[in-house]
């Protein structure tokens, strides 16, 4: 009886160890996890820059000849685009994560958005400096 219990516990332990360790040692899973973390950083940066820019434009709407209501429409559109990008990102994560091909495609999109937001932020800051606001 001791041998059967020992065998059963040994098998249970082996199955538990196999279940816990299989993903951690799978090179493909490690690459996807690394890609996921990298894209999460990109998405966080894109979201932060986009929201900062949208908020700044709403705050200084009158300076550009727009009403707060007009800029609220622009703000809502920017927020919707950011939310869509984040929803797409989450869908990819839920679907298994970023393989190398998906990473390359989405990285290009995120980099373009970040570059656009950065350029717009620089232009806004230049205008705000010229107006003596910052």
Protein backbone atom coordinates (compact mmCIF):
# COMPACT_ATOMS: atom_id res chain seq x y z
CA UNK A 1 0.00 0.00 0.00
CA UNK A 2 2.87 2.39 0.81
CA UNK A 3 4.36 1.77 -2.64
CA UNK A 4 1.06 2.63 -4.38
CA UNK A 5 0.63 5.84 -2.37
CA UNK A 6 4.27 6.77 -2.95
CA UNK A 7 3.89 6.08 -6.68
CA UNK A 8 0.66 8.10 -6.85
CA UNK A 9 2.23 11.04 -5.01
CA UNK A 10 5.34 10.85 -7.20
CA UNK A 11 3.21 10.90 -10.37
CA UNK A 12 1.16 13.79 -9.00
CA UNK A 13 4.35 15.70 -8.22
CA UNK A 14 5.75 15.02 -11.71
CA UNK A 15 2.55 16.21 -13.41
CA UNK A 16 2.51 19.31 -11.23
CA UNK A 17 6.11 20.11 -12.05
CA UNK A 18 5.56 19.54 -15.76
CA UNK A 19 2.55 21.82 -15.75
CA UNK A 20 4.35 24.59 -13.89
CA UNK A 21 7.61 24.50 -15.76
CA UNK A 22 6.71 23.80 -19.36
CA UNK A 23 5.98 27.39 -20.40
CA UNK A 24 8.93 28.87 -18.57
CA UNK A 25 11.39 26.73 -20.51
CA UNK A 26 9.68 26.97 -23.91
CA UNK A 27 11.79 29.39 -26.02
CA UNK A 28 8.78 30.41 -28.12
CA UNK A 29 6.76 31.21 -25.00
CA UNK A 30 9.68 33.21 -23.61
CA UNK A 31 9.95 35.18 -26.87
CA UNK A 32 6.22 35.92 -26.86
CA UNK A 33 6.36 37.01 -23.21
CA UNK A 34 9.27 39.31 -24.02
CA UNK A 35 7.44 40.70 -27.06
CA UNK A 36 4.31 41.24 -24.95
CA UNK A 37 6.24 43.19 -22.32
CA UNK A 38 7.96 45.29 -25.00
CA UNK A 39 4.67 46.17 -26.68
CA UNK A 40 3.05 46.96 -23.34
CA UNK A 41 5.77 49.57 -22.80
CA UNK A 42 5.11 50.99 -26.28
CA UNK A 43 1.35 51.09 -25.65
CA UNK A 44 1.84 52.78 -22.29
CA UNK A 45 4.10 55.41 -23.86
CA UNK A 46 1.67 55.97 -26.74
CA UNK A 47 -1.30 56.28 -24.39
CA UNK A 48 0.48 58.69 -22.05
CA UNK A 49 1.69 60.94 -24.88
CA UNK A 50 -1.68 60.89 -26.63
CA UNK A 51 -3.62 61.76 -23.49
CA UNK A 52 -1.14 64.47 -22.51
CA UNK A 53 -1.44 66.04 -25.94
CA UNK A 54 -5.24 65.81 -26.04
CA UNK A 55 -5.52 67.38 -22.59
CA UNK A 56 -3.12 70.18 -23.53
CA UNK A 57 -5.06 71.05 -26.67
CA UNK A 58 -8.34 71.17 -24.74
CA UNK A 59 -6.73 73.34 -22.07
CA UNK A 60 -5.44 75.84 -24.63
CA UNK A 61 -8.30 75.67 -27.15
CA UNK A 62 -8.98 79.40 -27.21
CA UNK A 63 -5.36 80.15 -28.07
CA UNK A 64 -5.85 78.25 -31.32
CA UNK A 65 -9.20 79.89 -32.08
CA UNK A 66 -11.38 76.96 -31.03
CA UNK A 67 -14.12 76.79 -28.45
CA UNK A 68 -13.92 74.32 -25.59
CA UNK A 69 -16.84 72.46 -27.20
CA UNK A 70 -14.96 72.12 -30.50
CA UNK A 71 -11.87 70.86 -28.73
CA UNK A 72 -13.96 68.45 -26.67
CA UNK A 73 -14.95 66.75 -29.94
CA UNK A 74 -11.27 66.51 -30.88
CA UNK A 75 -10.47 65.20 -27.40
CA UNK A 76 -13.22 62.57 -27.56
CA UNK A 77 -11.96 61.42 -30.96
CA UNK A 78 -8.38 61.15 -29.69
CA UNK A 79 -9.51 59.18 -26.64
CA UNK A 80 -11.56 56.83 -28.84
CA UNK A 81 -8.54 56.19 -31.07
CA UNK A 82 -6.32 55.48 -28.08
CA UNK A 83 -8.95 53.16 -26.60
CA UNK A 84 -9.24 51.32 -29.93
CA UNK A 85 -5.47 50.85 -30.09
CA UNK A 86 -5.44 49.53 -26.53
CA UNK A 87 -8.37 47.20 -27.28
CA UNK A 88 -6.50 45.83 -30.31
CA UNK A 89 -3.43 45.34 -28.12
CA UNK A 90 -5.49 43.48 -25.53
CA UNK A 91 -7.05 41.30 -28.25
CA UNK A 92 -3.59 40.29 -29.41
CA UNK A 93 -2.58 39.47 -25.84
CA UNK A 94 -5.79 37.48 -25.33
CA UNK A 95 -5.16 35.65 -28.60
CA UNK A 96 -1.81 34.31 -27.48
CA UNK A 97 0.42 37.36 -27.58
CA UNK A 98 2.86 38.96 -29.98
CA UNK A 99 4.80 36.60 -32.19
CA UNK A 100 7.64 38.20 -34.16
CA UNK A 101 5.46 39.01 -37.19
CA UNK A 102 2.68 40.63 -35.17
CA UNK A 103 5.25 42.51 -33.10
CA UNK A 104 6.85 43.98 -36.23
CA UNK A 105 3.48 45.14 -37.57
CA UNK A 106 2.20 46.64 -34.34
CA UNK A 107 5.57 48.15 -33.40
CA UNK A 108 5.52 50.09 -36.66
CA UNK A 109 2.04 51.44 -35.88
CA UNK A 110 2.95 52.32 -32.29
CA UNK A 111 6.22 53.99 -33.34
CA UNK A 112 4.37 56.09 -35.94
CA UNK A 113 1.80 57.17 -33.35
CA UNK A 114 4.50 57.99 -30.79
CA UNK A 115 6.46 59.99 -33.39
CA UNK A 116 3.33 61.88 -34.41
CA UNK A 117 2.38 62.64 -30.83
CA UNK A 118 5.94 63.72 -30.03
CA UNK A 119 6.08 66.04 -33.03
CA UNK A 120 2.68 67.53 -32.19
CA UNK A 121 3.74 68.03 -28.58
CA UNK A 122 6.90 69.84 -29.70
CA UNK A 123 4.86 72.09 -31.99
CA UNK A 124 2.36 72.79 -29.21
CA UNK A 125 5.15 73.62 -26.76
CA UNK A 126 6.72 75.97 -29.31
CA UNK A 127 3.39 77.76 -29.75
CA UNK A 128 2.84 77.94 -25.98
CA UNK A 129 6.36 79.32 -25.46
CA UNK A 130 5.84 81.91 -28.18
CA UNK A 131 2.61 82.98 -26.47
CA UNK A 132 4.41 83.20 -23.12
CA UNK A 133 2.26 80.50 -21.56
CA UNK A 134 5.12 78.18 -20.68
